[in-house]
C-alpha cells in the first residue's frame, strides 16, 4: 500500500465544487466562539459537499486568519451567510420545509445512529457554543434533537469533532438512499 500524493487525490476546483450537486444539508453555527472550530467546520462541510453554513450570533465570519488556518480555503467553496439570530434562521428554514435538528444532549433526544433520513427531504443541523451548547430557544424551535452517543467520562465533544461525526453519519446515510 502506498500513500497517495496530493496530485493523485482528484480534487475538484472551487468552481467545480459550486456546480456539483450538494448533500441536502445546511449547518447553523449558534454562537460558536472558536475561530479554529469555525474553520474546521468549513473544511468538513467542504469534504461532504454540504450546501450552506449559517454563522449566527458571536460566530466570526471569514475572512479571518484563524478561520483560514483550519478551513484551508473551504470558506471559498462552501456557501455561507451571517445572520444575527440562529432562531430566525431556523424559522426561515422551517418555512421553506427544511427539517431542523439541534445536535445536543437533551431529554428525549434521538441517538445519532437511529436518525433516519428521507429521500427528497432537506435537513439543517444546529451546532452550538462550546460551553453553553445550542440555545434552548433554538432547541424549542427545532423539529428534533440528535445526540451523539458517548460512553466515556466526559460526555462532551468539541464542536469540530461533533460536526465531523454528524456530517459523516448523515453523508453515509444519504449516499445509500
N, C-alpha and C. Protein backbone atom coordinates (compact mmCIF):
# COMPACT_ATOMS: atom_id res chain seq x y z
N UNK A 1 0.85 -1.18 0.00
CA UNK A 1 0.00 0.00 0.00
C UNK A 1 0.89 1.24 0.00
N UNK A 2 0.54 2.21 -0.84
CA UNK A 2 1.32 3.41 -0.99
C UNK A 2 0.45 4.63 -0.71
N UNK A 3 0.97 5.53 0.09
CA UNK A 3 0.26 6.78 0.37
C UNK A 3 0.13 7.58 -0.93
N UNK A 4 -1.05 8.15 -1.15
CA UNK A 4 -1.27 8.93 -2.36
C UNK A 4 -0.62 10.30 -2.26
N UNK A 5 -0.16 10.78 -3.39
CA UNK A 5 0.38 12.14 -3.47
C UNK A 5 -0.79 13.11 -3.63
N UNK A 6 -0.60 14.35 -3.26
CA UNK A 6 -1.65 15.36 -3.42
C UNK A 6 -2.17 15.41 -4.85
N UNK A 7 -1.29 15.24 -5.81
CA UNK A 7 -1.69 15.30 -7.23
C UNK A 7 -2.58 14.12 -7.62
N UNK A 8 -2.64 13.09 -6.81
CA UNK A 8 -3.44 11.90 -7.11
C UNK A 8 -4.81 11.90 -6.42
N UNK A 9 -5.14 12.96 -5.70
CA UNK A 9 -6.37 12.98 -4.90
C UNK A 9 -7.62 13.38 -5.68
N UNK A 10 -7.48 13.74 -6.93
CA UNK A 10 -8.62 14.12 -7.77
C UNK A 10 -9.47 15.23 -7.15
N UNK A 11 -8.81 16.22 -6.61
CA UNK A 11 -9.51 17.36 -6.01
C UNK A 11 -10.20 18.17 -7.11
N UNK A 12 -11.39 18.63 -6.80
CA UNK A 12 -12.09 19.48 -7.76
C UNK A 12 -11.78 20.94 -7.44
N UNK A 13 -11.95 21.78 -8.42
CA UNK A 13 -11.72 23.21 -8.23
C UNK A 13 -12.90 23.82 -7.47
N UNK A 14 -12.70 25.03 -6.97
CA UNK A 14 -13.78 25.75 -6.30
C UNK A 14 -14.94 25.94 -7.26
N UNK A 15 -14.64 26.28 -8.50
CA UNK A 15 -15.71 26.47 -9.50
C UNK A 15 -16.49 25.17 -9.71
N UNK A 16 -15.79 24.05 -9.78
CA UNK A 16 -16.47 22.76 -9.95
C UNK A 16 -17.29 22.42 -8.71
N UNK A 17 -16.75 22.73 -7.52
CA UNK A 17 -17.48 22.49 -6.27
C UNK A 17 -18.81 23.23 -6.29
N UNK A 18 -18.80 24.46 -6.77
CA UNK A 18 -20.03 25.27 -6.80
C UNK A 18 -21.09 24.64 -7.70
N UNK A 19 -20.67 23.87 -8.69
CA UNK A 19 -21.59 23.31 -9.68
C UNK A 19 -22.09 21.90 -9.36
N UNK A 20 -21.34 21.14 -8.56
CA UNK A 20 -21.75 19.75 -8.31
C UNK A 20 -22.97 19.70 -7.40
N UNK A 21 -23.79 18.66 -7.53
CA UNK A 21 -24.94 18.51 -6.63
C UNK A 21 -24.46 18.40 -5.18
N UNK A 22 -25.19 19.03 -4.30
CA UNK A 22 -24.79 19.07 -2.89
C UNK A 22 -25.57 18.05 -2.07
N UNK A 23 -25.00 17.71 -0.95
CA UNK A 23 -25.68 16.92 0.06
C UNK A 23 -26.78 17.81 0.63
N UNK A 24 -28.00 17.30 0.77
CA UNK A 24 -29.13 18.16 1.19
C UNK A 24 -29.11 18.48 2.69
N UNK A 25 -28.04 19.17 3.09
CA UNK A 25 -27.84 19.50 4.49
C UNK A 25 -27.25 20.90 4.62
N UNK A 26 -27.81 21.65 5.55
CA UNK A 26 -27.36 23.01 5.89
C UNK A 26 -26.89 22.97 7.33
N UNK A 27 -25.85 23.71 7.64
CA UNK A 27 -25.38 23.82 9.02
C UNK A 27 -25.67 25.22 9.56
N UNK A 28 -26.02 25.27 10.83
CA UNK A 28 -26.23 26.54 11.52
C UNK A 28 -25.29 26.52 12.73
N UNK A 29 -24.38 27.48 12.79
CA UNK A 29 -23.48 27.59 13.93
C UNK A 29 -24.04 28.65 14.86
N UNK A 30 -24.46 28.23 16.04
CA UNK A 30 -25.15 29.06 17.02
C UNK A 30 -24.16 29.55 18.08
N UNK A 31 -23.62 30.75 17.88
CA UNK A 31 -22.71 31.38 18.85
C UNK A 31 -21.44 30.58 19.12
N UNK A 32 -20.81 30.10 18.06
CA UNK A 32 -19.54 29.38 18.18
C UNK A 32 -18.43 30.41 18.36
N UNK A 33 -17.64 30.25 19.40
CA UNK A 33 -16.65 31.29 19.74
C UNK A 33 -15.26 31.04 19.16
N UNK A 34 -14.89 29.79 18.91
CA UNK A 34 -13.54 29.48 18.46
C UNK A 34 -13.42 29.60 16.94
N UNK A 35 -12.52 30.47 16.51
CA UNK A 35 -12.29 30.64 15.08
C UNK A 35 -11.73 29.37 14.45
N UNK A 36 -10.90 28.64 15.19
CA UNK A 36 -10.38 27.38 14.67
C UNK A 36 -11.49 26.35 14.49
N UNK A 37 -12.45 26.32 15.41
CA UNK A 37 -13.59 25.41 15.25
C UNK A 37 -14.42 25.79 14.02
N UNK A 38 -14.62 27.07 13.82
CA UNK A 38 -15.38 27.54 12.65
C UNK A 38 -14.68 27.08 11.37
N UNK A 39 -13.38 27.28 11.30
CA UNK A 39 -12.63 26.84 10.13
C UNK A 39 -12.70 25.34 9.92
N UNK A 40 -12.64 24.58 11.00
CA UNK A 40 -12.73 23.12 10.89
C UNK A 40 -14.09 22.69 10.37
N UNK A 41 -15.15 23.36 10.81
CA UNK A 41 -16.49 23.03 10.31
C UNK A 41 -16.57 23.31 8.81
N UNK A 42 -16.00 24.43 8.38
CA UNK A 42 -15.99 24.73 6.93
C UNK A 42 -15.27 23.62 6.17
N UNK A 43 -14.15 23.18 6.68
CA UNK A 43 -13.36 22.17 5.97
C UNK A 43 -14.11 20.84 5.89
N UNK A 44 -14.79 20.47 6.97
CA UNK A 44 -15.58 19.25 6.98
C UNK A 44 -16.78 19.39 6.05
N UNK A 45 -17.40 20.56 6.05
CA UNK A 45 -18.54 20.82 5.15
C UNK A 45 -18.11 20.70 3.69
N UNK A 46 -16.93 21.16 3.38
CA UNK A 46 -16.40 21.02 2.02
C UNK A 46 -16.22 19.54 1.68
N UNK A 47 -15.68 18.77 2.60
CA UNK A 47 -15.42 17.35 2.35
C UNK A 47 -16.68 16.58 2.00
N UNK A 48 -17.80 16.95 2.62
CA UNK A 48 -19.04 16.21 2.42
C UNK A 48 -20.05 16.96 1.56
N UNK A 49 -19.60 17.98 0.81
CA UNK A 49 -20.43 18.73 -0.13
C UNK A 49 -21.69 19.32 0.51
N UNK A 50 -21.52 19.89 1.70
CA UNK A 50 -22.64 20.48 2.41
C UNK A 50 -23.09 21.74 1.68
N UNK A 51 -24.39 21.94 1.65
CA UNK A 51 -24.99 23.00 0.86
C UNK A 51 -24.63 24.42 1.32
N UNK A 52 -24.71 24.66 2.64
CA UNK A 52 -24.51 26.02 3.13
C UNK A 52 -24.26 26.00 4.63
N UNK A 53 -23.59 27.04 5.12
CA UNK A 53 -23.40 27.23 6.55
C UNK A 53 -23.93 28.62 6.91
N UNK A 54 -24.76 28.67 7.96
CA UNK A 54 -25.18 29.95 8.54
C UNK A 54 -24.35 30.18 9.78
N UNK A 55 -23.73 31.34 9.85
CA UNK A 55 -22.94 31.75 11.00
C UNK A 55 -23.78 32.74 11.79
N UNK A 56 -24.05 32.44 13.06
CA UNK A 56 -25.01 33.24 13.83
C UNK A 56 -24.42 33.74 15.15
N UNK A 57 -24.94 34.88 15.59
CA UNK A 57 -24.56 35.44 16.89
C UNK A 57 -23.11 35.86 16.92
N UNK A 58 -22.37 35.36 17.91
CA UNK A 58 -20.96 35.75 18.06
C UNK A 58 -20.04 34.98 17.12
N UNK A 59 -20.58 34.05 16.35
CA UNK A 59 -19.76 33.27 15.41
C UNK A 59 -19.08 34.21 14.43
N UNK A 60 -17.77 34.16 14.38
CA UNK A 60 -17.00 35.03 13.48
C UNK A 60 -17.20 34.61 12.03
N UNK A 61 -16.92 35.53 11.14
CA UNK A 61 -17.08 35.28 9.70
C UNK A 61 -15.75 35.44 8.97
N UNK A 62 -15.60 34.73 7.87
CA UNK A 62 -14.44 34.95 7.02
C UNK A 62 -14.49 36.35 6.41
N UNK A 63 -13.40 36.90 5.97
CA UNK A 63 -12.06 36.33 6.10
C UNK A 63 -11.46 36.63 7.48
N UNK A 64 -10.77 35.67 8.00
CA UNK A 64 -10.03 35.83 9.25
C UNK A 64 -8.92 34.79 9.25
N UNK A 65 -7.72 35.21 9.64
CA UNK A 65 -6.57 34.31 9.55
C UNK A 65 -6.74 33.03 10.37
N UNK A 66 -7.41 33.11 11.53
CA UNK A 66 -7.58 31.92 12.36
C UNK A 66 -8.64 30.97 11.80
N UNK A 67 -9.63 31.50 11.09
CA UNK A 67 -10.58 30.63 10.39
C UNK A 67 -9.88 29.98 9.21
N UNK A 68 -9.15 30.78 8.46
CA UNK A 68 -8.45 30.28 7.28
C UNK A 68 -7.44 29.19 7.63
N UNK A 69 -6.81 29.33 8.80
CA UNK A 69 -5.79 28.38 9.25
C UNK A 69 -6.31 26.94 9.26
N UNK A 70 -7.55 26.75 9.67
CA UNK A 70 -8.11 25.39 9.71
C UNK A 70 -9.02 25.10 8.53
N UNK A 71 -9.61 26.12 7.93
CA UNK A 71 -10.51 25.91 6.78
C UNK A 71 -9.74 25.56 5.52
N UNK A 72 -8.51 26.04 5.41
CA UNK A 72 -7.67 25.79 4.24
C UNK A 72 -8.36 26.11 2.92
N UNK A 73 -9.09 27.22 2.88
CA UNK A 73 -9.73 27.65 1.64
C UNK A 73 -11.18 27.22 1.50
N UNK A 74 -11.70 26.41 2.42
CA UNK A 74 -13.08 25.94 2.32
C UNK A 74 -14.09 27.07 2.46
N UNK A 75 -13.69 28.21 2.98
CA UNK A 75 -14.59 29.36 3.05
C UNK A 75 -14.88 29.91 1.66
N UNK A 76 -14.06 29.54 0.69
CA UNK A 76 -14.28 29.95 -0.69
C UNK A 76 -15.21 28.98 -1.44
N UNK A 77 -15.21 27.73 -1.03
CA UNK A 77 -16.02 26.74 -1.74
C UNK A 77 -17.42 26.59 -1.14
N UNK A 78 -17.52 26.55 0.17
CA UNK A 78 -18.81 26.33 0.83
C UNK A 78 -19.55 27.65 0.96
N UNK A 79 -20.80 27.69 0.49
CA UNK A 79 -21.62 28.89 0.64
C UNK A 79 -21.86 29.15 2.12
N UNK A 80 -21.84 30.41 2.50
CA UNK A 80 -22.12 30.77 3.89
C UNK A 80 -22.78 32.13 3.94
N UNK A 81 -23.42 32.36 5.08
CA UNK A 81 -24.13 33.63 5.29
C UNK A 81 -24.14 33.92 6.79
N UNK A 82 -24.01 35.19 7.14
CA UNK A 82 -24.12 35.59 8.55
C UNK A 82 -25.54 36.08 8.84
N UNK A 83 -26.08 35.61 9.94
CA UNK A 83 -27.35 36.11 10.46
C UNK A 83 -27.20 36.28 11.97
N UNK A 84 -27.72 37.37 12.50
CA UNK A 84 -27.55 37.66 13.92
C UNK A 84 -28.18 36.59 14.81
N UNK A 85 -29.39 36.16 14.50
CA UNK A 85 -30.14 35.24 15.36
C UNK A 85 -30.33 33.87 14.72
N UNK A 86 -29.79 32.84 15.37
CA UNK A 86 -29.98 31.47 14.88
C UNK A 86 -31.47 31.11 14.86
N UNK A 87 -32.21 31.63 15.83
CA UNK A 87 -33.65 31.31 15.89
C UNK A 87 -34.38 31.81 14.64
N UNK A 88 -33.98 32.94 14.11
CA UNK A 88 -34.61 33.47 12.88
C UNK A 88 -34.25 32.60 11.68
N UNK A 89 -33.03 32.10 11.64
CA UNK A 89 -32.63 31.19 10.57
C UNK A 89 -33.46 29.92 10.63
N UNK A 90 -33.63 29.38 11.83
CA UNK A 90 -34.42 28.16 12.00
C UNK A 90 -35.85 28.40 11.51
N UNK A 91 -36.45 29.51 11.91
CA UNK A 91 -37.82 29.83 11.47
C UNK A 91 -37.90 29.91 9.95
N UNK A 92 -36.92 30.59 9.35
CA UNK A 92 -36.89 30.74 7.89
C UNK A 92 -36.77 29.38 7.20
N UNK A 93 -35.86 28.55 7.67
CA UNK A 93 -35.65 27.24 7.04
C UNK A 93 -36.88 26.35 7.19
N UNK A 94 -37.50 26.38 8.36
CA UNK A 94 -38.71 25.59 8.56
C UNK A 94 -39.84 26.06 7.66
N UNK A 95 -39.93 27.36 7.42
CA UNK A 95 -40.93 27.89 6.48
C UNK A 95 -40.67 27.39 5.07
N UNK A 96 -39.41 27.06 4.77
CA UNK A 96 -39.02 26.51 3.47
C UNK A 96 -39.15 24.98 3.45
N UNK A 97 -39.75 24.41 4.50
CA UNK A 97 -39.98 22.96 4.63
C UNK A 97 -38.68 22.17 4.80
N UNK A 98 -37.67 22.80 5.41
CA UNK A 98 -36.42 22.13 5.73
C UNK A 98 -36.52 21.63 7.17
N UNK A 99 -36.17 20.38 7.39
CA UNK A 99 -36.23 19.79 8.73
C UNK A 99 -34.99 20.21 9.52
N UNK A 100 -35.20 20.77 10.70
CA UNK A 100 -34.11 21.32 11.50
C UNK A 100 -33.93 20.48 12.77
N UNK A 101 -32.69 20.05 13.00
CA UNK A 101 -32.34 19.27 14.18
C UNK A 101 -31.17 19.91 14.91
N UNK A 102 -31.31 20.07 16.22
CA UNK A 102 -30.20 20.53 17.04
C UNK A 102 -29.33 19.32 17.38
N UNK A 103 -28.02 19.51 17.34
CA UNK A 103 -27.09 18.47 17.77
C UNK A 103 -26.74 18.82 19.21
N UNK A 104 -27.34 18.08 20.13
CA UNK A 104 -27.26 18.48 21.54
C UNK A 104 -27.64 17.30 22.42
N UNK A 105 -27.29 17.40 23.67
CA UNK A 105 -27.74 16.44 24.68
C UNK A 105 -28.98 17.02 25.32
N UNK A 106 -30.10 16.34 25.15
CA UNK A 106 -31.38 16.87 25.64
C UNK A 106 -32.30 15.71 25.97
N UNK A 107 -33.22 15.98 26.85
CA UNK A 107 -34.23 14.99 27.22
C UNK A 107 -35.01 14.60 25.96
N UNK A 108 -35.12 13.31 25.73
CA UNK A 108 -35.87 12.82 24.57
C UNK A 108 -35.11 12.90 23.25
N UNK A 109 -33.82 13.19 23.29
CA UNK A 109 -33.04 13.28 22.06
C UNK A 109 -32.95 11.92 21.38
N UNK A 110 -32.86 11.94 20.06
CA UNK A 110 -32.69 10.75 19.24
C UNK A 110 -31.20 10.46 19.11
N UNK A 111 -30.79 9.26 19.39
CA UNK A 111 -29.39 8.90 19.24
C UNK A 111 -29.01 8.91 17.76
N UNK A 112 -27.86 9.44 17.45
CA UNK A 112 -27.43 9.65 16.06
C UNK A 112 -27.55 8.40 15.20
N UNK A 113 -27.21 7.25 15.74
CA UNK A 113 -27.27 6.03 14.91
C UNK A 113 -28.70 5.65 14.55
N UNK A 114 -29.68 6.16 15.28
CA UNK A 114 -31.09 5.87 14.99
C UNK A 114 -31.75 6.92 14.12
N UNK A 115 -31.04 8.00 13.82
CA UNK A 115 -31.59 9.06 12.97
C UNK A 115 -31.70 8.54 11.53
N UNK A 116 -32.88 8.67 10.95
CA UNK A 116 -33.13 8.22 9.58
C UNK A 116 -33.39 9.44 8.70
N UNK A 117 -32.86 9.39 7.50
CA UNK A 117 -33.16 10.46 6.55
C UNK A 117 -34.12 9.94 5.49
N UNK A 118 -34.91 10.87 4.98
CA UNK A 118 -35.94 10.54 4.00
C UNK A 118 -35.52 11.10 2.64
N UNK A 119 -35.68 10.30 1.58
CA UNK A 119 -35.36 10.83 0.25
C UNK A 119 -36.17 12.09 -0.06
N UNK A 120 -35.58 12.99 -0.78
CA UNK A 120 -36.21 14.24 -1.24
C UNK A 120 -36.52 15.23 -0.12
N UNK A 121 -35.99 15.01 1.07
CA UNK A 121 -36.10 15.98 2.15
C UNK A 121 -34.77 16.72 2.27
N UNK A 122 -34.86 17.94 2.77
CA UNK A 122 -33.65 18.70 3.05
C UNK A 122 -33.60 18.92 4.56
N UNK A 123 -32.37 18.91 5.09
CA UNK A 123 -32.16 18.98 6.53
C UNK A 123 -31.23 20.13 6.89
N UNK A 124 -31.33 20.54 8.16
CA UNK A 124 -30.38 21.50 8.74
C UNK A 124 -30.02 21.00 10.12
N UNK A 125 -28.73 21.09 10.45
CA UNK A 125 -28.24 20.74 11.78
C UNK A 125 -27.71 22.00 12.45
N UNK A 126 -28.08 22.17 13.72
CA UNK A 126 -27.60 23.31 14.50
C UNK A 126 -26.53 22.81 15.47
N UNK A 127 -25.38 23.44 15.42
CA UNK A 127 -24.28 23.15 16.34
C UNK A 127 -24.07 24.39 17.21
N UNK A 128 -23.85 24.18 18.51
CA UNK A 128 -23.86 25.30 19.43
C UNK A 128 -22.52 25.69 20.00
N UNK A 129 -22.61 26.65 20.87
CA UNK A 129 -21.47 27.22 21.60
C UNK A 129 -20.70 26.13 22.34
N UNK A 130 -19.39 26.31 22.41
CA UNK A 130 -18.51 25.32 23.01
C UNK A 130 -18.80 25.07 24.49
N UNK A 131 -19.36 26.04 25.19
CA UNK A 131 -19.66 25.88 26.62
C UNK A 131 -21.15 25.69 26.86
N UNK A 132 -21.97 26.53 26.25
CA UNK A 132 -23.41 26.53 26.51
C UNK A 132 -24.21 25.65 25.56
N UNK A 133 -23.62 25.21 24.47
CA UNK A 133 -24.32 24.37 23.51
C UNK A 133 -25.32 25.16 22.68
N UNK A 134 -26.28 24.46 22.11
CA UNK A 134 -27.34 25.08 21.32
C UNK A 134 -28.31 25.74 22.30
N UNK A 135 -28.72 26.95 21.99
CA UNK A 135 -29.62 27.67 22.89
C UNK A 135 -30.96 26.94 23.03
N UNK A 136 -31.57 27.07 24.19
CA UNK A 136 -32.86 26.43 24.44
C UNK A 136 -33.92 26.96 23.47
N UNK A 137 -33.83 28.23 23.13
CA UNK A 137 -34.78 28.82 22.17
C UNK A 137 -34.71 28.08 20.84
N UNK A 138 -33.51 27.81 20.37
CA UNK A 138 -33.33 27.10 19.10
C UNK A 138 -33.79 25.65 19.24
N UNK A 139 -33.48 25.02 20.36
CA UNK A 139 -33.96 23.65 20.58
C UNK A 139 -35.48 23.60 20.52
N UNK A 140 -36.13 24.56 21.15
CA UNK A 140 -37.60 24.60 21.16
C UNK A 140 -38.18 24.76 19.75
N UNK A 141 -37.47 25.46 18.89
CA UNK A 141 -37.94 25.69 17.52
C UNK A 141 -37.63 24.51 16.58
N UNK A 142 -36.69 23.68 16.96
CA UNK A 142 -36.23 22.59 16.10
C UNK A 142 -37.27 21.48 15.98
N UNK A 143 -37.14 20.72 14.89
CA UNK A 143 -38.01 19.56 14.68
C UNK A 143 -37.61 18.40 15.58
N UNK A 144 -36.40 18.44 16.11
CA UNK A 144 -35.93 17.40 17.00
C UNK A 144 -34.51 17.67 17.43
N UNK A 145 -34.01 16.80 18.29
CA UNK A 145 -32.65 16.89 18.79
C UNK A 145 -31.97 15.55 18.54
N UNK A 146 -30.76 15.61 18.04
CA UNK A 146 -29.95 14.42 17.80
C UNK A 146 -28.78 14.46 18.77
N UNK A 147 -28.56 13.34 19.43
CA UNK A 147 -27.46 13.25 20.38
C UNK A 147 -26.43 12.25 19.88
N UNK A 148 -25.17 12.62 19.98
CA UNK A 148 -24.08 11.70 19.64
C UNK A 148 -23.84 10.81 20.86
N UNK A 149 -23.97 9.49 20.71
CA UNK A 149 -23.76 8.62 21.88
C UNK A 149 -22.31 8.70 22.36
N UNK A 150 -22.16 8.81 23.66
CA UNK A 150 -20.82 8.89 24.26
C UNK A 150 -20.80 8.02 25.51
N UNK A 151 -19.80 7.19 25.62
CA UNK A 151 -19.72 6.21 26.70
C UNK A 151 -18.71 6.55 27.79
N UNK A 152 -17.83 7.51 27.54
CA UNK A 152 -16.75 7.81 28.48
C UNK A 152 -17.17 8.71 29.63
N UNK A 153 -16.20 9.32 30.26
CA UNK A 153 -16.45 10.16 31.44
C UNK A 153 -16.80 11.60 31.10
N UNK A 154 -16.48 12.07 29.93
CA UNK A 154 -16.64 13.49 29.60
C UNK A 154 -18.01 13.85 29.04
N UNK A 155 -18.57 13.03 28.19
CA UNK A 155 -19.85 13.32 27.55
C UNK A 155 -19.88 14.72 26.95
N UNK A 156 -18.79 15.05 26.27
CA UNK A 156 -18.65 16.36 25.65
C UNK A 156 -17.66 16.22 24.50
N UNK A 157 -18.07 16.70 23.33
CA UNK A 157 -17.17 16.70 22.17
C UNK A 157 -16.98 18.13 21.70
N UNK A 158 -15.78 18.41 21.25
CA UNK A 158 -15.52 19.70 20.62
C UNK A 158 -16.44 19.84 19.41
N UNK A 159 -16.88 21.06 19.13
CA UNK A 159 -17.82 21.28 18.02
C UNK A 159 -17.25 20.80 16.69
N UNK A 160 -15.95 20.93 16.49
CA UNK A 160 -15.39 20.46 15.23
C UNK A 160 -15.47 18.94 15.13
N UNK A 161 -15.30 18.25 16.23
CA UNK A 161 -15.42 16.79 16.25
C UNK A 161 -16.89 16.41 16.08
N UNK A 162 -17.77 17.07 16.82
CA UNK A 162 -19.21 16.78 16.73
C UNK A 162 -19.70 16.98 15.30
N UNK A 163 -19.23 18.03 14.64
CA UNK A 163 -19.66 18.25 13.25
C UNK A 163 -19.14 17.14 12.35
N UNK A 164 -17.90 16.72 12.55
CA UNK A 164 -17.35 15.64 11.75
C UNK A 164 -18.12 14.34 11.90
N UNK A 165 -18.45 14.01 13.14
CA UNK A 165 -19.19 12.77 13.41
C UNK A 165 -20.58 12.84 12.76
N UNK A 166 -21.30 13.93 12.98
CA UNK A 166 -22.68 14.02 12.47
C UNK A 166 -22.71 14.16 10.95
N UNK A 167 -21.78 14.91 10.38
CA UNK A 167 -21.77 15.06 8.92
C UNK A 167 -21.43 13.74 8.24
N UNK A 168 -20.48 13.01 8.78
CA UNK A 168 -20.14 11.72 8.20
C UNK A 168 -21.34 10.77 8.27
N UNK A 169 -22.00 10.72 9.42
CA UNK A 169 -23.15 9.82 9.57
C UNK A 169 -24.27 10.19 8.60
N UNK A 170 -24.53 11.49 8.46
CA UNK A 170 -25.57 11.94 7.53
C UNK A 170 -25.18 11.60 6.10
N UNK A 171 -23.95 11.93 5.72
CA UNK A 171 -23.46 11.69 4.37
C UNK A 171 -23.52 10.20 4.02
N UNK A 172 -23.11 9.37 4.94
CA UNK A 172 -23.11 7.92 4.74
C UNK A 172 -24.55 7.44 4.47
N UNK A 173 -25.49 7.91 5.27
CA UNK A 173 -26.89 7.51 5.10
C UNK A 173 -27.46 8.07 3.79
N UNK A 174 -27.12 9.30 3.46
CA UNK A 174 -27.61 9.93 2.23
C UNK A 174 -27.12 9.16 1.00
N UNK A 175 -25.89 8.73 1.02
CA UNK A 175 -25.32 8.03 -0.14
C UNK A 175 -25.94 6.65 -0.35
N UNK A 176 -26.61 6.11 0.65
CA UNK A 176 -27.24 4.79 0.49
C UNK A 176 -28.73 4.89 0.15
N UNK A 177 -29.26 6.11 0.00
CA UNK A 177 -30.68 6.26 -0.36
C UNK A 177 -30.94 5.77 -1.77
